[in-house]
Amino acid sequence: MKIARIVGTTISTIEDEKVRDKKLLICAETDQKGKVFGKSYVAVDLVDAGEGDLVLTCHGSAARQTHLTKDSPVDAVVMAVLDELEVDGEIVFRM
């Protein structure tokens, strides 16, 4: 799992039938305090996340283990919206 911030959405008119009608979000990887540092990537949204949300994402074969993504050509899913993030006893993010 990775922590990421939702930085945008995508729109496509031609897509594989197994990802049709699924919301695709642009995620930017963050450090453990929620600061963006990594590359952006697209993930299938499973939890109705929105722009600016801090989320948990799952990648690789694990991303294809949900009932919405089983046997789909996906490499990343948004699986949780974080309400709070505590690191070393300090709350570093709170919704």
C-alpha atoms as a PDB file:
ATOM      1  CA  MET A   1       0.000   0.000   0.000  1.00  0.00           C
ATOM      2  CA  LYS A   2       1.014   3.585  -0.621  1.00  0.00           C
ATOM      3  CA  ILE A   3      -0.194   6.913   0.712  1.00  0.00           C
ATOM      4  CA  ALA A   4      -1.220   9.300  -2.055  1.00  0.00           C
ATOM      5  CA  ARG A   5      -3.039  12.562  -2.624  1.00  0.00           C
ATOM      6  CA  ILE A   6      -5.718  12.804  -5.311  1.00  0.00           C
ATOM      7  CA  VAL A   7      -4.564  15.532  -7.689  1.00  0.00           C
ATOM      8  CA  GLY A   8      -7.016  15.115 -10.557  1.00  0.00           C
ATOM      9  CA  THR A   9      -9.350  12.962 -12.620  1.00  0.00           C
ATOM     10  CA  THR A  10      -9.251  11.461 -16.087  1.00  0.00           C
ATOM     11  CA  ILE A  11     -11.781  11.200 -18.869  1.00  0.00           C
ATOM     12  CA  SER A  12     -11.509   8.700 -21.689  1.00  0.00           C
ATOM     13  CA  THR A  13     -13.964   7.877 -24.431  1.00  0.00           C
ATOM     14  CA  ILE A  14     -12.322   4.648 -25.560  1.00  0.00           C
ATOM     15  CA  GLU A  15     -11.391   2.132 -22.884  1.00  0.00           C
ATOM     16  CA  ASP A  16     -11.329  -1.562 -22.114  1.00  0.00           C
ATOM     17  CA  GLU A  17     -14.801  -2.855 -21.251  1.00  0.00           C
ATOM     18  CA  LYS A  18     -13.578  -4.062 -17.836  1.00  0.00           C
ATOM     19  CA  VAL A  19     -12.737  -0.513 -16.719  1.00  0.00           C
ATOM     20  CA  ARG A  20     -15.646   1.192 -18.460  1.00  0.00           C
ATOM     21  CA  ASP A  21     -17.829   3.208 -16.055  1.00  0.00           C
ATOM     22  CA  LYS A  22     -15.159   3.206 -13.351  1.00  0.00           C
ATOM     23  CA  LYS A  23     -13.840   6.512 -12.015  1.00  0.00           C
ATOM     24  CA  LEU A  24     -10.130   6.919 -12.719  1.00  0.00           C
ATOM     25  CA  LEU A  25      -8.214   9.276 -10.443  1.00  0.00           C
ATOM     26  CA  ILE A  26      -4.762  10.803 -10.772  1.00  0.00           C
ATOM     27  CA  CYS A  27      -2.795  10.094  -7.609  1.00  0.00           C
ATOM     28  CA  ALA A  28       0.509  11.615  -6.491  1.00  0.00           C
ATOM     29  CA  GLU A  29       2.580   9.533  -4.099  1.00  0.00           C
ATOM     30  CA  THR A  30       3.280  11.195  -0.749  1.00  0.00           C
ATOM     31  CA  ASP A  31       5.590  10.690   2.183  1.00  0.00           C
ATOM     32  CA  GLN A  32       4.285   9.525   5.570  1.00  0.00           C
ATOM     33  CA  LYS A  33       3.236  13.079   6.423  1.00  0.00           C
ATOM     34  CA  GLY A  34       1.197  13.563   3.254  1.00  0.00           C
ATOM     35  CA  LYS A  35       3.717  15.708   1.338  1.00  0.00           C
ATOM     36  CA  VAL A  36       3.755  14.916  -2.393  1.00  0.00           C
ATOM     37  CA  PHE A  37       7.131  13.625  -3.575  1.00  0.00           C
ATOM     38  CA  GLY A  38       6.691  10.882  -6.121  1.00  0.00           C
ATOM     39  CA  LYS A  39       5.431  10.301  -9.603  1.00  0.00           C
ATOM     40  CA  SER A  40       1.761  10.578 -10.446  1.00  0.00           C
ATOM     41  CA  TYR A  41      -0.228   7.531 -11.509  1.00  0.00           C
ATOM     42  CA  VAL A  42      -3.818   6.631 -12.328  1.00  0.00           C
ATOM     43  CA  ALA A  43      -5.884   4.415 -10.033  1.00  0.00           C
ATOM     44  CA  VAL A  44      -9.408   3.004 -10.152  1.00  0.00           C
ATOM     45  CA  ASP A  45     -11.495   4.639  -7.417  1.00  0.00           C
ATOM     46  CA  LEU A  46     -13.300   2.100  -5.203  1.00  0.00           C
ATOM     47  CA  VAL A  47     -14.353   4.484  -2.404  1.00  0.00           C
ATOM     48  CA  ASP A  48     -15.626   7.699  -4.049  1.00  0.00           C
ATOM     49  CA  ALA A  49     -12.502   9.719  -3.241  1.00  0.00           C
ATOM     50  CA  GLY A  50     -12.152  13.259  -4.522  1.00  0.00           C
ATOM     51  CA  GLU A  51      -9.523  15.799  -5.458  1.00  0.00           C
ATOM     52  CA  GLY A  52      -7.373  16.780  -2.472  1.00  0.00           C
ATOM     53  CA  ASP A  53      -8.155  13.639  -0.456  1.00  0.00           C
ATOM     54  CA  LEU A  54      -5.316  11.728   1.182  1.00  0.00           C
ATOM     55  CA  VAL A  55      -5.838   8.054   0.328  1.00  0.00           C
ATOM     56  CA  LEU A  56      -4.379   4.568   0.536  1.00  0.00           C
ATOM     57  CA  THR A  57      -3.709   2.850  -2.757  1.00  0.00           C
ATOM     58  CA  CYS A  58      -2.994  -0.773  -3.526  1.00  0.00           C
ATOM     59  CA  HIS A  59      -0.872  -1.889  -6.488  1.00  0.00           C
ATOM     60  CA  GLY A  60      -0.042  -4.817  -8.721  1.00  0.00           C
ATOM     61  CA  SER A  61      -1.864  -8.110  -8.468  1.00  0.00           C
ATOM     62  CA  ALA A  62      -3.418  -7.053  -5.146  1.00  0.00           C
ATOM     63  CA  ALA A  63      -5.264  -4.265  -7.014  1.00  0.00           C
ATOM     64  CA  ARG A  64      -7.080  -6.934  -9.015  1.00  0.00           C
ATOM     65  CA  GLN A  65      -8.433  -8.754  -5.941  1.00  0.00           C
ATOM     66  CA  THR A  66     -11.579  -6.652  -5.404  1.00  0.00           C
ATOM     67  CA  HIS A  67     -14.998  -7.555  -6.762  1.00  0.00           C
ATOM     68  CA  LEU A  68     -14.872  -4.449  -9.011  1.00  0.00           C
ATOM     69  CA  THR A  69     -11.429  -5.103 -10.480  1.00  0.00           C
ATOM     70  CA  LYS A  70     -11.182  -8.896 -10.642  1.00  0.00           C
ATOM     71  CA  ASP A  71      -9.549  -9.950 -13.927  1.00  0.00           C
ATOM     72  CA  SER A  72      -9.314  -6.302 -15.040  1.00  0.00           C
ATOM     73  CA  PRO A  73      -6.283  -4.594 -16.593  1.00  0.00           C
ATOM     74  CA  VAL A  74      -5.602  -2.377 -13.575  1.00  0.00           C
ATOM     75  CA  ASP A  75      -2.405  -1.808 -11.646  1.00  0.00           C
ATOM     76  CA  ALA A  76      -3.636   0.523  -8.889  1.00  0.00           C
ATOM     77  CA  VAL A  77      -6.812   1.122  -6.888  1.00  0.00           C
ATOM     78  CA  VAL A  78      -7.850   3.715  -4.320  1.00  0.00           C
ATOM     79  CA  MET A  79      -9.054   1.569  -1.430  1.00  0.00           C
ATOM     80  CA  ALA A  80      -9.423   4.006   1.484  1.00  0.00           C
ATOM     81  CA  VAL A  81      -9.776   7.719   2.221  1.00  0.00           C
ATOM     82  CA  LEU A  82      -7.701   8.660   5.254  1.00  0.00           C
ATOM     83  CA  ASP A  83      -9.397  10.601   8.062  1.00  0.00           C
ATOM     84  CA  GLU A  84      -6.283  10.842  10.189  1.00  0.00           C
ATOM     85  CA  LEU A  85      -2.625   9.914   9.936  1.00  0.00           C
ATOM     86  CA  GLU A  86      -0.481   9.425  13.042  1.00  0.00           C
ATOM     87  CA  VAL A  87       3.287   8.979  12.781  1.00  0.00           C
ATOM     88  CA  ASP A  88       5.514   8.344  15.827  1.00  0.00           C
ATOM     89  CA  GLY A  89       2.730   9.428  18.178  1.00  0.00           C
ATOM     90  CA  GLU A  90       2.139  12.722  16.334  1.00  0.00           C
ATOM     91  CA  ILE A  91      -0.982  13.384  14.287  1.00  0.00           C
ATOM     92  CA  VAL A  92       0.424  14.662  10.996  1.00  0.00           C
ATOM     93  CA  PHE A  93      -2.856  14.763   9.059  1.00  0.00           C
ATOM     94  CA  ARG A  94      -6.457  15.146  10.114  1.00  0.00           C
ATOM     95  CA  MET A  95      -9.337  15.578   7.695  1.00  0.00           C
END
